[in-house]
Amino acid sequence: MSRSRPASLLVVALVLGGCVTPNPTPKPTDVGPTPSSFASSQPTSTPAPSRTAAANPSTFPLAVVTGLTNLEATTTLVDVRTLVAAGKLLIPCGLSGLDLGGKTVALPSACTATTDIFAAIHKTPTAMALLPAGLVDPRVKVLPVDGADLFGDTVVRTKPYPVIGSSDGGASALPASATAYDAGAITSIVSTGDTCPDRAPSYWANVKGKGWDWTLQGGTARYTGTYIDHQFSPVGGNGYTVVKAVRTGEDIGAIWNLIKDADIAVNDFECPMVANFTQHNSGTFFTIDPKVAALFHRVGMDFASLGSNHGTDLGASGIQQTLAYLDAAGVKYSGAGLNLAQAMAPAVFDVHGVRFAFLSWDATGVSRAATDTGWGELHPTPDNVTRAVALARSQADVVILMPQWNFPEYSAPFSRTALAQRDAWFAAGVDDILGSGTHWSSAISITQPDPSKGWRVAVTSHGNFLFGQLFSRQTQEGLIYEVTFRGTQLVQVRMHPYIVMDGAQPNLTDPATDGAHVQNQVLDVSTLP
């Protein structure tokens, strides 16, 4: 977890010059065949094995891993070399050689069993270790090395990876399942939060003339201070803390690229797009410029989650127009429709032969519910959940739900209702949940409700993305989630913190400094392995 389109293609990693160099990866296609499973096996022996290298040892990438609550998001090859030399990097047993950037490095005399690496990092989240790529799972956070990332997006996976291990095939060597790494088996899904680009986003795009592309072309920002805004107050309070920030002028387009470079990019889209939209400066009634659909097409947004409390604000016409604009832009959707069947239909993407289905529904009870013959939002009644999940499962290998839920708004923990819903939806067959709705970045859970089926993530809310609420730090800051799969198995959950500048343009913040507050806001109330 970082505190930091056509044609499916199976990409095979090549080992060249001490680095793994995978081939480029395309965006997803429609439904395709299901690949074989990717098993992980962990040796339990702890004695250091023989360090005698065979004539032709097998080579494989070693992920640099740390704890989920460690706010560091990246590392460098120089830092890795320094840690190895100082004996401060846990080295897995079973290696016969270690190559860092094309240079052989002497292995330390002691090693750590891979099962013990997980325990050590859980005990000391700031600890760092090398872990064979086949053993990576959501209990650890993988750090990119000089921008090369085994479990990142379609671009960073193509960069030569510099941390390579070898195994001589002896009795104490690592099993093939642990050392196997195939870039073509990796799928990155980037998920952005609460989006209703009226008010400030529309003002800057249309009235100020910046254009819609500008809203997603943010780079990085740094904080310069805080102040108290008295426009609204929490119960018993006297206003909210608001962040003052400036753009750094660096990494312009970082937000755009984060979306564009994902295998699948998804968004919580809460409000109706209509031809006769009006730009509002206040209030809770929203209409969205249809040009946003074309923006989504340009930036590579693949899916819009439409199940929300504002989705039916303009009636059947609002839904009909929204669907038509998204269809014209080639953006798939789920959660709303002119009848129940349309609202229930999943959006399905094929990436390297793994089919991912996305569902959406409004669990707030605020919107009008779709019926067999009537327009509205998909509401999660027991019958609707059963039918929707079964339909998605019949078309896909992984079912991801994007609900509007966890009310009341403006809160961080799981509500009791949300916890019960999470468990019920997992039991119904949902694999993972990427939720929204509180306008704050809110709690997550990474659990194994059924260990035989692997890890599951549930996100209650990402926070505002394009929404325009300037009155508090919690509504200014947000998290873009990047969830990564190896085949059908969830292996990484990462956070990318940002601040929405001018209420209209997200800009990334340093995960270890300015971005720490929003991450800790989430981690302090989350359930982590």
Protein backbone atom coordinates (compact mmCIF):
# COMPACT_ATOMS: atom_id res chain seq x y z
CA MET A 1 0.00 0.00 0.00
CA SER A 2 1.64 3.24 -1.08
CA ARG A 3 1.54 5.84 1.53
CA SER A 4 3.71 6.82 -1.51
CA ARG A 5 -6.93 -0.69 -25.66
CA PRO A 6 -7.57 -3.37 -27.49
CA ALA A 7 -6.16 -6.91 -27.75
CA SER A 8 -5.24 -8.97 -24.73
CA LEU A 9 -1.57 -9.97 -24.56
CA LEU A 10 0.36 -12.29 -22.30
CA VAL A 11 3.66 -10.57 -21.57
CA VAL A 12 6.65 -12.68 -20.60
CA ALA A 13 9.39 -11.02 -18.56
CA LEU A 14 12.91 -11.27 -19.94
CA VAL A 15 16.01 -11.30 -17.76
CA LEU A 16 18.56 -9.02 -19.39
CA GLY A 17 21.73 -7.52 -17.94
CA GLY A 18 20.75 -8.08 -14.32
CA CYS A 19 17.33 -6.43 -14.74
CA VAL A 20 13.87 -7.77 -15.55
CA THR A 21 12.53 -5.98 -18.63
CA PRO A 22 8.87 -6.79 -19.35
CA ASN A 23 7.15 -5.96 -22.62
CA PRO A 24 4.53 -3.16 -22.77
CA THR A 25 1.02 -3.96 -21.56
CA PRO A 26 -2.20 -2.92 -23.34
CA LYS A 27 -5.49 -1.62 -21.96
CA PRO A 28 -8.25 -4.23 -21.40
CA THR A 29 -10.51 -5.85 -23.96
CA ASP A 30 -13.89 -7.55 -23.71
CA VAL A 31 -14.44 -10.95 -22.12
CA GLY A 32 -11.78 -13.59 -22.77
CA PRO A 33 -10.54 -16.91 -21.39
CA THR A 34 -9.62 -17.48 -17.76
CA PRO A 35 -5.91 -18.08 -17.02
CA SER A 36 -4.56 -20.71 -14.70
CA SER A 37 -4.25 -19.83 -11.04
CA PHE A 38 -1.04 -18.44 -9.61
CA ALA A 39 -0.17 -20.37 -6.46
CA SER A 40 2.10 -19.04 -3.74
CA SER A 41 4.21 -21.31 -1.61
CA GLN A 42 6.26 -20.21 1.39
CA PRO A 43 9.16 -22.24 2.77
CA THR A 44 9.27 -22.56 6.52
CA SER A 45 12.89 -23.56 7.15
CA THR A 46 15.11 -20.95 8.77
CA PRO A 47 18.73 -22.21 8.55
CA ALA A 48 20.89 -20.42 6.01
CA PRO A 49 21.28 -22.57 2.88
CA SER A 50 24.46 -23.27 0.98
CA ARG A 51 25.72 -20.20 -0.89
CA THR A 52 27.44 -22.20 -3.64
CA ALA A 53 26.02 -21.06 -6.98
CA ALA A 54 25.25 -23.58 -9.69
CA ALA A 55 26.56 -23.10 -13.23
CA ASN A 56 23.17 -21.94 -14.55
CA PRO A 57 21.09 -20.66 -11.64
CA SER A 58 17.53 -19.51 -12.32
CA THR A 59 17.03 -15.79 -11.87
CA PHE A 60 13.97 -13.90 -10.69
CA PRO A 61 13.00 -10.44 -9.38
CA LEU A 62 13.00 -9.72 -5.66
CA ALA A 63 10.43 -7.19 -4.51
CA VAL A 64 11.56 -4.62 -1.94
CA VAL A 65 8.83 -4.74 0.71
CA THR A 66 7.93 -2.92 3.90
CA GLY A 67 4.96 -2.52 6.25
CA LEU A 68 1.53 -1.28 5.24
CA THR A 69 1.71 1.63 7.68
CA ASN A 70 5.17 2.74 6.58
CA LEU A 71 4.52 6.01 4.76
CA GLU A 72 7.57 5.67 2.52
CA ALA A 73 6.34 5.02 -1.03
CA THR A 74 9.50 4.46 -3.09
CA THR A 75 13.15 3.54 -2.77
CA THR A 76 16.33 3.69 -4.85
CA LEU A 77 18.93 1.18 -5.88
CA VAL A 78 21.51 3.17 -3.89
CA ASP A 79 19.39 2.81 -0.75
CA VAL A 80 18.94 -0.92 -1.35
CA ARG A 81 22.70 -1.39 -1.70
CA THR A 82 23.30 0.62 1.47
CA LEU A 83 20.80 -1.44 3.47
CA VAL A 84 22.29 -4.71 2.25
CA ALA A 85 25.83 -3.57 3.13
CA ALA A 86 24.67 -2.49 6.59
CA GLY A 87 22.81 -5.74 7.24
CA LYS A 88 19.53 -3.83 7.61
CA LEU A 89 17.63 -5.51 4.78
CA LEU A 90 16.06 -8.90 5.48
CA ILE A 91 17.28 -11.41 2.89
CA PRO A 92 15.16 -14.51 2.18
CA CYS A 93 16.60 -17.97 2.59
CA GLY A 94 16.97 -19.96 -0.59
CA LEU A 95 19.06 -17.50 -2.60
CA SER A 96 22.34 -18.49 -4.19
CA GLY A 97 23.05 -15.04 -5.61
CA LEU A 98 21.97 -11.40 -5.50
CA ASP A 99 22.36 -8.90 -8.34
CA LEU A 100 21.72 -5.18 -7.83
CA GLY A 101 21.67 -3.19 -11.03
CA GLY A 102 23.90 -5.62 -12.88
CA LYS A 103 26.46 -5.96 -10.08
CA THR A 104 26.79 -9.10 -7.98
CA VAL A 105 26.49 -8.46 -4.26
CA ALA A 106 27.77 -10.81 -1.58
CA LEU A 107 24.98 -12.49 0.34
CA PRO A 108 25.03 -12.10 4.13
CA SER A 109 25.75 -15.17 6.20
CA ALA A 110 22.28 -15.07 7.78
CA CYS A 111 18.95 -15.28 6.01
CA THR A 112 15.29 -15.14 7.02
CA ALA A 113 12.63 -17.68 6.12
CA THR A 114 10.00 -16.05 3.93
CA THR A 115 7.23 -16.80 6.43
CA ASP A 116 9.29 -15.02 9.08
CA ILE A 117 9.69 -11.99 6.79
CA PHE A 118 5.95 -11.38 6.96
CA ALA A 119 6.00 -11.68 10.74
CA ALA A 120 9.02 -9.38 11.09
CA ILE A 121 7.44 -6.65 8.98
CA HIS A 122 4.15 -6.97 10.80
CA LYS A 123 6.03 -6.48 14.08
CA THR A 124 8.14 -3.57 12.78
CA PRO A 125 6.33 -1.88 9.86
CA THR A 126 9.35 0.29 9.01
CA ALA A 127 11.51 -2.81 8.44
CA MET A 128 12.43 -3.65 4.87
CA ALA A 129 13.06 -6.95 3.15
CA LEU A 130 13.56 -8.65 -0.18
CA LEU A 131 10.76 -11.03 -1.09
CA PRO A 132 10.51 -13.27 -4.17
CA ALA A 133 7.86 -11.73 -6.42
CA GLY A 134 5.73 -14.88 -6.39
CA LEU A 135 5.21 -14.53 -2.63
CA VAL A 136 3.99 -10.93 -2.61
CA ASP A 137 0.53 -10.43 -1.13
CA PRO A 138 -1.38 -7.55 0.56
CA ARG A 139 0.31 -8.14 3.93
CA VAL A 140 3.31 -6.14 2.68
CA LYS A 141 3.80 -3.00 0.61
CA VAL A 142 6.06 -3.23 -2.44
CA LEU A 143 8.29 -0.21 -3.03
CA PRO A 144 9.18 0.76 -6.61
CA VAL A 145 12.96 0.93 -7.17
CA ASP A 146 14.10 3.97 -9.16
CA GLY A 147 10.65 4.08 -10.74
CA ALA A 148 10.61 0.43 -11.80
CA ASP A 149 7.65 -1.37 -10.25
CA LEU A 150 6.83 -5.07 -10.53
CA PHE A 151 3.26 -4.48 -9.39
CA GLY A 152 2.58 -1.02 -10.82
CA ASP A 153 0.87 0.30 -13.93
CA THR A 154 1.43 -0.49 -17.59
CA VAL A 155 4.34 1.96 -17.88
CA VAL A 156 6.39 1.31 -14.74
CA ARG A 157 6.13 -2.44 -15.32
CA THR A 158 8.08 -1.95 -18.56
CA LYS A 159 11.09 -0.38 -16.85
CA PRO A 160 14.16 -2.60 -16.26
CA TYR A 161 13.90 -3.95 -12.72
CA PRO A 162 17.27 -3.91 -10.91
CA VAL A 163 16.91 -6.27 -7.91
CA ILE A 164 17.46 -9.85 -9.07
CA GLY A 165 17.92 -13.06 -7.10
CA SER A 166 19.12 -16.45 -8.21
CA SER A 167 18.58 -19.96 -6.94
CA ASP A 168 20.88 -22.91 -7.57
CA GLY A 169 18.12 -25.49 -7.47
CA GLY A 170 19.46 -27.25 -4.39
CA ALA A 171 17.42 -28.81 -1.64
CA SER A 172 17.11 -25.49 0.21
CA ALA A 173 16.23 -23.46 -2.89
CA LEU A 174 12.97 -21.58 -3.25
CA PRO A 175 10.15 -23.37 -5.08
CA ALA A 176 9.25 -22.31 -8.62
CA SER A 177 5.93 -20.82 -7.49
CA ALA A 178 7.80 -18.38 -5.25
CA THR A 179 10.25 -17.20 -7.88
CA ALA A 180 7.91 -17.03 -10.87
CA TYR A 181 7.07 -13.56 -12.13
CA ASP A 182 5.12 -12.79 -15.28
CA ALA A 183 4.38 -9.14 -16.03
CA GLY A 184 1.55 -10.34 -18.25
CA ALA A 185 -0.24 -11.75 -15.20
CA ILE A 186 -0.34 -8.37 -13.43
CA THR A 187 -3.38 -6.06 -13.59
CA SER A 188 -3.43 -2.61 -12.02
CA ILE A 189 -6.76 -0.94 -11.27
CA VAL A 190 -6.75 2.76 -10.40
CA SER A 191 -9.85 4.04 -8.60
CA THR A 192 -10.71 7.72 -8.07
CA GLY A 193 -13.21 9.05 -5.59
CA ASP A 194 -16.32 11.23 -5.23
CA THR A 195 -16.90 12.98 -8.56
CA CYS A 196 -19.66 15.48 -9.26
CA PRO A 197 -17.91 18.20 -11.28
CA ASP A 198 -20.31 21.06 -10.79
CA ARG A 199 -19.46 24.07 -8.54
CA ALA A 200 -15.68 24.69 -8.38
CA PRO A 201 -14.61 22.21 -11.13
CA SER A 202 -17.18 23.63 -13.55
CA TYR A 203 -16.29 27.19 -12.53
CA TRP A 204 -12.61 26.73 -13.31
CA ALA A 205 -13.20 24.70 -16.46
CA ASN A 206 -15.96 26.84 -17.96
CA VAL A 207 -16.18 30.26 -16.32
CA LYS A 208 -12.43 30.75 -15.81
CA GLY A 209 -11.77 29.13 -19.17
CA LYS A 210 -9.20 26.54 -18.05
CA GLY A 211 -11.00 23.75 -19.91
CA TRP A 212 -11.88 20.31 -18.59
CA ASP A 213 -8.50 18.72 -19.33
CA TRP A 214 -6.93 21.14 -16.85
CA THR A 215 -8.90 19.58 -13.97
CA LEU A 216 -7.00 16.29 -14.39
CA GLN A 217 -3.60 17.71 -15.36
CA GLY A 218 -2.45 18.35 -11.80
CA GLY A 219 1.11 17.61 -10.76
CA THR A 220 2.33 17.84 -7.18
CA ALA A 221 1.58 20.31 -4.40
CA ARG A 222 3.09 21.20 -1.03
CA TYR A 223 1.48 22.61 2.09
CA THR A 224 2.26 26.08 3.40
CA GLY A 225 0.02 26.16 6.47
CA THR A 226 -3.52 25.80 7.80
CA TYR A 227 -6.33 28.03 9.04
CA ILE A 228 -9.81 27.65 10.52
CA ASP A 229 -12.80 28.00 8.20
CA HIS A 230 -15.97 28.95 10.11
CA GLN A 231 -18.39 28.35 7.23
CA PHE A 232 -19.37 24.98 8.71
CA SER A 233 -18.64 23.41 12.07
CA PRO A 234 -18.53 19.85 13.37
CA VAL A 235 -20.89 19.08 16.21
CA GLY A 236 -19.72 21.06 19.23
CA GLY A 237 -16.90 22.63 17.20
CA ASN A 238 -15.90 26.00 15.85
CA GLY A 239 -15.13 25.52 12.20
CA TYR A 240 -12.86 23.12 10.33
CA THR A 241 -9.13 23.18 9.70
CA VAL A 242 -8.36 24.04 6.07
CA VAL A 243 -5.04 23.43 4.32
CA LYS A 244 -3.18 26.16 2.47
CA ALA A 245 -1.10 24.71 -0.38
CA VAL A 246 0.77 25.72 -3.53
CA ARG A 247 1.53 23.82 -6.69
CA THR A 248 5.19 22.83 -6.95
CA GLY A 249 5.28 23.13 -10.73
CA GLU A 250 6.65 19.58 -10.89
CA ASP A 251 5.29 16.37 -12.40
CA ILE A 252 2.60 18.22 -14.36
CA GLY A 253 0.14 15.63 -15.61
CA ALA A 254 0.88 13.14 -12.82
CA ILE A 255 -2.84 12.65 -12.08
CA TRP A 256 -3.63 12.24 -15.77
CA ASN A 257 -0.86 9.67 -16.21
CA LEU A 258 -1.88 7.74 -13.11
CA ILE A 259 -5.32 7.23 -14.68
CA LYS A 260 -4.14 6.76 -18.26
CA ASP A 261 -1.44 4.20 -17.44
CA ALA A 262 -3.64 1.84 -15.38
CA ASP A 263 -4.84 -1.40 -16.91
CA ILE A 264 -8.33 -0.39 -15.78
CA ALA A 265 -9.30 3.07 -14.46
CA VAL A 266 -12.58 3.53 -12.58
CA ASN A 267 -14.44 6.50 -11.11
CA ASP A 268 -17.32 7.17 -8.73
CA PHE A 269 -19.56 9.43 -10.85
CA GLU A 270 -22.42 10.72 -8.74
CA CYS A 271 -24.42 13.31 -10.69
CA PRO A 272 -26.35 13.54 -13.99
CA MET A 273 -24.82 14.93 -17.20
CA VAL A 274 -27.40 16.89 -19.20
CA ALA A 275 -27.40 19.14 -22.26
CA ASN A 276 -28.97 22.08 -20.40
CA PHE A 277 -26.56 21.90 -17.45
CA THR A 278 -26.10 24.90 -15.17
CA GLN A 279 -22.92 25.71 -13.27
CA HIS A 280 -23.86 26.08 -9.59
CA ASN A 281 -21.75 27.92 -7.05
CA SER A 282 -23.50 26.52 -3.98
CA GLY A 283 -26.27 24.23 -2.89
CA THR A 284 -26.77 20.48 -3.21
CA PHE A 285 -28.47 20.33 -6.61
CA PHE A 286 -26.03 19.45 -9.39
CA THR A 287 -25.97 19.26 -13.18
CA ILE A 288 -22.86 18.22 -15.07
CA ASP A 289 -21.39 19.48 -18.34
CA PRO A 290 -21.52 16.64 -20.92
CA LYS A 291 -17.97 17.55 -21.96
CA VAL A 292 -16.86 15.58 -18.88
CA ALA A 293 -17.69 12.36 -20.75
CA ALA A 294 -15.25 13.32 -23.49
CA LEU A 295 -12.67 14.18 -20.81
CA PHE A 296 -13.05 10.67 -19.41
CA HIS A 297 -12.45 9.25 -22.87
CA ARG A 298 -9.26 11.30 -23.35
CA VAL A 299 -7.81 10.47 -19.96
CA GLY A 300 -8.55 6.76 -20.34
CA MET A 301 -11.26 6.39 -17.69
CA ASP A 302 -12.77 2.98 -18.41
CA PHE A 303 -15.70 2.76 -15.98
CA ALA A 304 -18.09 5.12 -14.19
CA SER A 305 -19.91 3.93 -11.08
CA LEU A 306 -23.39 5.48 -11.24
CA GLY A 307 -25.08 4.07 -8.13
CA SER A 308 -25.33 7.19 -5.95
CA ASN A 309 -27.62 9.36 -3.86
CA HIS A 310 -27.62 12.15 -6.51
CA GLY A 311 -28.05 9.96 -9.58
CA THR A 312 -31.81 10.46 -9.88
CA ASP A 313 -31.91 14.19 -9.12
CA LEU A 314 -33.04 15.00 -12.69
CA GLY A 315 -35.33 12.03 -13.14
CA ALA A 316 -35.44 9.65 -16.08
CA SER A 317 -34.09 12.28 -18.47
CA GLY A 318 -31.00 12.80 -16.33
CA ILE A 319 -30.25 9.08 -16.31
CA GLN A 320 -30.98 8.66 -20.00
CA GLN A 321 -28.71 11.54 -21.01
CA THR A 322 -25.90 10.44 -18.70
CA LEU A 323 -25.90 6.94 -20.18
CA ALA A 324 -25.99 8.31 -23.71
CA TYR A 325 -23.02 10.62 -23.14
CA LEU A 326 -20.98 7.84 -21.54
CA ASP A 327 -21.88 5.45 -24.37
CA ALA A 328 -20.73 8.01 -26.94
CA ALA A 329 -17.43 8.42 -25.06
CA GLY A 330 -16.85 4.67 -24.81
CA VAL A 331 -16.98 4.68 -21.00
CA LYS A 332 -18.70 1.67 -19.44
CA TYR A 333 -20.98 2.02 -16.41
CA SER A 334 -23.23 0.21 -13.95
CA GLY A 335 -25.66 1.11 -11.17
CA ALA A 336 -28.34 3.20 -12.88
CA GLY A 337 -30.74 2.71 -15.75
CA LEU A 338 -34.18 3.12 -17.22
CA ASN A 339 -35.13 -0.21 -15.66
CA LEU A 340 -33.73 -2.68 -13.16
CA ALA A 341 -32.04 -4.89 -15.74
CA GLN A 342 -30.07 -1.95 -17.13
CA ALA A 343 -29.07 -0.73 -13.67
CA MET A 344 -27.98 -4.24 -12.68
CA ALA A 345 -25.87 -5.01 -15.75
CA PRO A 346 -22.14 -5.30 -14.93
CA ALA A 347 -19.32 -3.74 -16.92
CA VAL A 348 -16.76 -6.40 -17.88
CA PHE A 349 -13.12 -5.97 -18.92
CA ASP A 350 -10.63 -8.58 -20.03
CA VAL A 351 -6.98 -8.07 -19.07
CA HIS A 352 -4.56 -10.84 -20.10
CA GLY A 353 -7.42 -13.34 -20.10
CA VAL A 354 -8.72 -12.43 -16.63
CA ARG A 355 -12.24 -11.00 -16.71
CA PHE A 356 -13.04 -8.21 -14.22
CA ALA A 357 -16.70 -7.28 -13.66
CA PHE A 358 -17.70 -4.00 -11.99
CA LEU A 359 -21.01 -3.46 -10.22
CA SER A 360 -22.42 -0.35 -8.57
CA TRP A 361 -25.36 0.37 -6.31
CA ASP A 362 -26.70 3.05 -3.97
CA ALA A 363 -26.84 1.79 -0.39
CA THR A 364 -27.82 5.19 1.05
CA GLY A 365 -31.53 4.74 0.28
CA VAL A 366 -31.73 8.37 -0.91
CA SER A 367 -32.11 7.87 -4.66
CA ARG A 368 -35.13 6.45 -6.47
CA ALA A 369 -34.85 2.68 -6.83
CA ALA A 370 -34.98 1.12 -10.28
CA THR A 371 -37.73 -1.44 -10.85
CA ASP A 372 -38.43 -4.00 -13.57
CA THR A 373 -40.25 -1.33 -15.55
CA GLY A 374 -39.10 1.93 -13.93
CA TRP A 375 -36.00 4.16 -14.02
CA GLY A 376 -33.69 4.63 -11.06
CA GLU A 377 -30.63 3.38 -9.21
CA LEU A 378 -29.80 -0.18 -8.25
CA HIS A 379 -30.57 -0.58 -4.55
CA PRO A 380 -28.94 -3.48 -2.64
CA THR A 381 -31.99 -5.42 -1.56
CA PRO A 382 -31.13 -9.06 -0.79
CA ASP A 383 -32.74 -10.16 -4.04
CA ASN A 384 -30.99 -7.48 -6.11
CA VAL A 385 -27.62 -8.35 -4.57
CA THR A 386 -28.05 -12.04 -5.28
CA ARG A 387 -29.13 -11.44 -8.87
CA ALA A 388 -26.54 -8.77 -9.67
CA VAL A 389 -23.60 -10.71 -8.25
CA ALA A 390 -24.68 -13.94 -9.95
CA LEU A 391 -24.97 -12.11 -13.27
CA ALA A 392 -21.51 -10.57 -12.85
CA ARG A 393 -20.00 -13.87 -11.75
CA SER A 394 -21.39 -15.62 -14.82
CA GLN A 395 -19.38 -13.22 -17.00
CA ALA A 396 -16.21 -12.68 -14.99
CA ASP A 397 -13.50 -14.16 -12.78
CA VAL A 398 -13.25 -11.20 -10.37
CA VAL A 399 -16.27 -9.17 -9.21
CA ILE A 400 -15.57 -5.66 -7.90
CA LEU A 401 -18.33 -3.61 -6.29
CA MET A 402 -18.35 0.21 -6.21
CA PRO A 403 -21.17 1.23 -3.85
CA GLN A 404 -22.32 4.54 -2.44
CA TRP A 405 -22.43 3.67 1.27
CA ASN A 406 -21.16 4.14 4.84
CA PHE A 407 -23.46 7.03 5.70
CA PRO A 408 -23.53 9.33 7.61
CA GLU A 409 -21.34 11.53 5.44
CA TYR A 410 -18.21 13.30 6.75
CA SER A 411 -16.90 10.44 8.86
CA ALA A 412 -13.91 8.08 8.66
CA PRO A 413 -14.67 4.78 10.48
CA PHE A 414 -16.78 1.90 9.21
CA SER A 415 -20.34 2.30 10.40
CA ARG A 416 -21.94 -0.79 11.93
CA THR A 417 -24.27 -0.94 8.96
CA ALA A 418 -21.37 -0.81 6.50
CA LEU A 419 -19.54 -3.62 8.29
CA ALA A 420 -22.62 -5.81 8.11
CA GLN A 421 -23.11 -4.92 4.45
CA ARG A 422 -19.46 -5.66 3.66
CA ASP A 423 -19.70 -9.13 5.17
CA ALA A 424 -23.01 -9.86 3.45
CA TRP A 425 -21.75 -8.70 0.06
CA PHE A 426 -18.57 -10.77 0.37
CA ALA A 427 -20.70 -13.77 1.31
CA ALA A 428 -22.86 -13.13 -1.77
CA GLY A 429 -19.81 -13.44 -4.01
CA VAL A 430 -18.32 -9.96 -4.29
CA ASP A 431 -14.52 -10.17 -4.34
CA ASP A 432 -13.53 -6.58 -3.54
CA ILE A 433 -15.22 -3.27 -2.68
CA LEU A 434 -14.08 0.18 -3.83
CA GLY A 435 -16.70 2.39 -2.22
CA SER A 436 -17.42 6.12 -1.98
CA GLY A 437 -19.86 8.50 -0.43
CA THR A 438 -18.61 10.12 2.78
CA HIS A 439 -16.63 12.93 1.06
CA TRP A 440 -13.76 11.96 3.37
CA SER A 441 -11.07 9.36 2.88
CA SER A 442 -12.42 6.67 5.16
CA ALA A 443 -11.61 3.25 6.61
CA ILE A 444 -10.49 0.23 4.62
CA SER A 445 -10.18 -3.44 5.47
CA ILE A 446 -7.85 -6.07 4.03
CA THR A 447 -9.08 -9.46 5.20
CA GLN A 448 -9.51 -13.11 4.29
CA PRO A 449 -13.19 -13.86 4.97
CA ASP A 450 -12.56 -17.15 3.16
CA PRO A 451 -8.80 -17.96 3.23
CA SER A 452 -9.22 -20.40 0.36
CA LYS A 453 -10.25 -17.50 -1.88
CA GLY A 454 -7.43 -15.11 -0.99
CA TRP A 455 -7.35 -11.55 0.27
CA ARG A 456 -10.20 -9.06 -0.02
CA VAL A 457 -10.10 -5.26 0.20
CA ALA A 458 -13.04 -3.05 1.16
CA VAL A 459 -12.69 0.74 0.81
CA THR A 460 -15.44 2.78 2.41
CA SER A 461 -14.62 6.07 0.68
CA HIS A 462 -11.74 7.61 -1.29
CA GLY A 463 -12.65 11.21 -0.46
CA ASN A 464 -13.50 13.97 -2.90
CA PHE A 465 -11.87 13.89 -6.34
CA LEU A 466 -13.81 16.37 -8.49
CA PHE A 467 -16.49 17.69 -6.17
CA GLY A 468 -15.64 21.19 -4.98
CA GLN A 469 -15.84 21.28 -1.17
CA LEU A 470 -13.29 23.75 0.21
CA PHE A 471 -14.48 24.09 3.79
CA SER A 472 -12.34 21.44 5.53
CA ARG A 473 -9.08 19.56 5.29
CA GLN A 474 -10.98 16.28 5.12
CA THR A 475 -12.93 17.40 2.04
CA GLN A 476 -9.83 18.90 0.40
CA GLU A 477 -7.64 15.80 0.74
CA GLY A 478 -8.22 12.42 -0.86
CA LEU A 479 -6.69 9.09 -1.86
CA ILE A 480 -6.47 7.49 -5.27
CA TYR A 481 -6.41 3.73 -4.73
CA GLU A 482 -4.28 1.44 -6.85
CA VAL A 483 -5.18 -2.22 -6.40
CA THR A 484 -3.10 -4.82 -8.17
CA PHE A 485 -3.89 -8.42 -9.08
CA ARG A 486 -1.70 -11.38 -10.03
CA GLY A 487 -4.09 -13.34 -12.17
CA THR A 488 -7.27 -13.38 -10.09
CA GLN A 489 -5.52 -12.84 -6.75
CA LEU A 490 -5.31 -9.46 -5.01
CA VAL A 491 -1.63 -8.77 -4.23
CA GLN A 492 -1.28 -5.04 -3.50
CA VAL A 493 -3.39 -2.15 -2.16
CA ARG A 494 -1.72 1.25 -2.48
CA MET A 495 -2.72 4.81 -1.59
CA HIS A 496 -1.80 7.89 -3.60
CA PRO A 497 -2.58 10.98 -1.47
CA TYR A 498 -3.57 14.29 -3.06
CA ILE A 499 -5.07 17.69 -2.32
CA VAL A 500 -7.74 19.27 -4.51
CA MET A 501 -6.38 22.70 -5.42
CA ASP A 502 -9.00 25.46 -5.86
CA GLY A 503 -11.61 22.79 -5.20
CA ALA A 504 -11.17 21.75 -8.81
CA GLN A 505 -7.80 20.09 -9.56
CA PRO A 506 -6.31 17.14 -7.63
CA ASN A 507 -2.53 17.37 -7.14
CA LEU A 508 -0.43 14.61 -5.58
CA THR A 509 1.25 15.19 -2.23
CA ASP A 510 4.38 13.63 -0.73
CA PRO A 511 3.17 10.44 0.98
CA ALA A 512 5.75 10.72 3.77
CA THR A 513 5.09 14.40 4.64
CA ASP A 514 2.07 16.43 3.50
CA GLY A 515 0.22 13.29 2.42
CA ALA A 516 0.68 11.61 5.80
CA HIS A 517 -2.36 13.18 7.45
CA VAL A 518 -4.96 11.76 5.07
CA GLN A 519 -3.32 8.33 5.05
CA ASN A 520 -3.22 8.17 8.85
CA GLN A 521 -6.84 9.36 8.94
CA VAL A 522 -7.64 6.13 7.12
CA LEU A 523 -5.08 3.75 8.62
CA ASP A 524 -5.98 4.66 12.20
CA VAL A 525 -9.52 3.29 11.73
CA SER A 526 -8.77 0.45 9.32
CA THR A 527 -8.49 -3.33 9.63
CA LEU A 528 -5.13 -4.46 8.25
CA PRO A 529 -3.45 -7.89 8.13
